[in-house]
């Protein structure tokens, strides 16, 4: 396994948090709402992404 240099870490994680931009304009009500066709709320999915 090749060891990454500190400058290479920046390239690896450069766009890693772009995923969370989709949540920028949601309200707390929308995030916590149970949707009929979704097994989880947006809040639960967001917490799962943060944990990963």
N, C-alpha and C. Protein backbone atom coordinates (compact mmCIF):
# COMPACT_ATOMS: atom_id res chain seq x y z
N UNK A 1 0.83 -1.18 0.00
CA UNK A 1 0.00 0.00 0.00
C UNK A 1 0.88 1.24 0.00
N UNK A 2 0.59 2.16 -0.89
CA UNK A 2 1.39 3.37 -1.03
C UNK A 2 0.98 4.39 0.02
N UNK A 3 1.97 5.00 0.68
CA UNK A 3 1.70 6.02 1.68
C UNK A 3 1.52 7.38 1.00
N UNK A 4 0.44 8.09 1.35
CA UNK A 4 0.16 9.40 0.76
C UNK A 4 0.93 10.50 1.47
N UNK A 5 1.42 11.45 0.71
CA UNK A 5 2.06 12.63 1.28
C UNK A 5 0.97 13.61 1.71
N UNK A 6 1.27 14.51 2.66
CA UNK A 6 0.24 15.46 3.12
C UNK A 6 -0.45 16.23 1.99
N UNK A 7 0.27 16.63 0.97
CA UNK A 7 -0.36 17.37 -0.13
C UNK A 7 -1.32 16.49 -0.93
N UNK A 8 -1.11 15.19 -0.92
CA UNK A 8 -2.00 14.27 -1.63
C UNK A 8 -3.32 14.10 -0.89
N UNK A 9 -3.32 14.28 0.42
CA UNK A 9 -4.56 14.21 1.19
C UNK A 9 -5.53 15.28 0.74
N UNK A 10 -5.03 16.47 0.47
CA UNK A 10 -5.88 17.56 0.02
C UNK A 10 -6.61 17.17 -1.27
N UNK A 11 -5.91 16.56 -2.19
CA UNK A 11 -6.52 16.16 -3.46
C UNK A 11 -7.57 15.07 -3.25
N UNK A 12 -7.32 14.16 -2.34
CA UNK A 12 -8.26 13.07 -2.08
C UNK A 12 -9.57 13.59 -1.50
N UNK A 13 -9.48 14.56 -0.58
CA UNK A 13 -10.66 15.05 0.13
C UNK A 13 -11.17 16.39 -0.37
N UNK A 14 -10.68 16.87 -1.50
CA UNK A 14 -11.03 18.19 -2.02
C UNK A 14 -12.54 18.40 -2.14
N UNK A 15 -13.25 17.47 -2.72
CA UNK A 15 -14.69 17.61 -2.93
C UNK A 15 -15.51 16.70 -2.02
N UNK A 16 -14.92 16.21 -0.95
CA UNK A 16 -15.60 15.21 -0.13
C UNK A 16 -16.84 15.73 0.56
N UNK A 17 -16.93 17.02 0.84
CA UNK A 17 -18.09 17.54 1.56
C UNK A 17 -19.11 18.20 0.63
N UNK A 18 -18.94 18.09 -0.68
CA UNK A 18 -19.93 18.60 -1.62
C UNK A 18 -21.27 17.90 -1.45
N UNK A 19 -21.25 16.68 -0.97
CA UNK A 19 -22.47 15.91 -0.74
C UNK A 19 -23.44 16.66 0.15
N UNK A 20 -22.93 17.38 1.14
CA UNK A 20 -23.77 18.04 2.12
C UNK A 20 -24.41 19.32 1.58
N UNK A 21 -23.97 19.83 0.44
CA UNK A 21 -24.55 21.04 -0.12
C UNK A 21 -26.02 20.87 -0.50
N UNK A 22 -26.45 19.65 -0.75
CA UNK A 22 -27.86 19.41 -1.09
C UNK A 22 -28.78 19.69 0.09
N UNK A 23 -28.23 19.77 1.29
CA UNK A 23 -29.02 20.02 2.48
C UNK A 23 -29.07 21.49 2.87
N UNK A 24 -28.37 22.35 2.15
CA UNK A 24 -28.24 23.76 2.51
C UNK A 24 -29.56 24.51 2.65
N UNK A 25 -30.52 24.26 1.81
CA UNK A 25 -31.74 25.06 1.78
C UNK A 25 -32.97 24.33 2.34
N UNK A 26 -32.76 23.28 3.08
CA UNK A 26 -33.88 22.55 3.68
C UNK A 26 -34.20 23.11 5.07
N UNK A 27 -35.46 23.09 5.42
CA UNK A 27 -35.86 23.52 6.76
C UNK A 27 -35.83 22.33 7.71
N UNK A 28 -35.90 22.61 9.02
CA UNK A 28 -35.91 21.54 10.01
C UNK A 28 -37.13 20.64 9.83
N UNK A 29 -38.26 21.24 9.44
CA UNK A 29 -39.47 20.43 9.21
C UNK A 29 -39.27 19.46 8.06
N UNK A 30 -38.65 19.92 6.98
CA UNK A 30 -38.43 19.05 5.82
C UNK A 30 -37.45 17.93 6.15
N UNK A 31 -36.44 18.25 6.92
CA UNK A 31 -35.41 17.27 7.26
C UNK A 31 -35.96 16.16 8.14
N UNK A 32 -36.89 16.49 9.04
CA UNK A 32 -37.43 15.50 9.96
C UNK A 32 -38.67 14.79 9.49
N UNK A 33 -39.20 15.19 8.36
CA UNK A 33 -40.47 14.63 7.86
C UNK A 33 -40.29 13.19 7.39
N UNK A 34 -41.22 12.35 7.79
CA UNK A 34 -41.27 10.97 7.28
C UNK A 34 -41.98 10.98 5.94
N UNK A 35 -41.33 10.49 4.92
CA UNK A 35 -41.92 10.43 3.59
C UNK A 35 -42.47 9.03 3.35
N UNK A 36 -43.61 8.93 2.70
CA UNK A 36 -44.26 7.62 2.54
C UNK A 36 -43.43 6.60 1.75
N UNK A 37 -42.62 7.05 0.83
CA UNK A 37 -41.87 6.12 0.00
C UNK A 37 -40.41 5.95 0.44
N UNK A 38 -40.03 6.57 1.57
CA UNK A 38 -38.64 6.49 2.04
C UNK A 38 -38.59 5.84 3.42
N UNK A 39 -37.71 4.88 3.61
CA UNK A 39 -37.63 4.20 4.90
C UNK A 39 -37.01 5.06 6.00
N UNK A 40 -36.27 6.09 5.63
CA UNK A 40 -35.59 6.95 6.61
C UNK A 40 -35.89 8.41 6.32
N UNK A 41 -35.75 9.26 7.36
CA UNK A 41 -35.89 10.70 7.16
C UNK A 41 -34.58 11.26 6.61
N UNK A 42 -34.64 12.46 6.09
CA UNK A 42 -33.42 13.10 5.58
C UNK A 42 -32.42 13.27 6.72
N UNK A 43 -32.93 13.60 7.92
CA UNK A 43 -32.06 13.77 9.08
C UNK A 43 -31.31 12.47 9.39
N UNK A 44 -31.97 11.35 9.32
CA UNK A 44 -31.32 10.06 9.57
C UNK A 44 -30.26 9.77 8.52
N UNK A 45 -30.56 10.08 7.28
CA UNK A 45 -29.60 9.86 6.19
C UNK A 45 -28.39 10.76 6.35
N UNK A 46 -28.63 12.03 6.70
CA UNK A 46 -27.53 12.97 6.91
C UNK A 46 -26.62 12.50 8.04
N UNK A 47 -27.20 12.05 9.14
CA UNK A 47 -26.38 11.54 10.24
C UNK A 47 -25.58 10.32 9.83
N UNK A 48 -26.15 9.50 8.99
CA UNK A 48 -25.42 8.32 8.48
C UNK A 48 -24.20 8.77 7.65
N UNK A 49 -24.40 9.79 6.80
CA UNK A 49 -23.29 10.29 6.00
C UNK A 49 -22.19 10.89 6.87
N UNK A 50 -22.58 11.59 7.92
CA UNK A 50 -21.60 12.19 8.82
C UNK A 50 -20.79 11.09 9.51
N UNK A 51 -21.47 10.01 9.91
CA UNK A 51 -20.77 8.91 10.58
C UNK A 51 -19.77 8.24 9.66
N UNK A 52 -20.08 8.16 8.39
CA UNK A 52 -19.16 7.54 7.45
C UNK A 52 -18.04 8.47 7.15
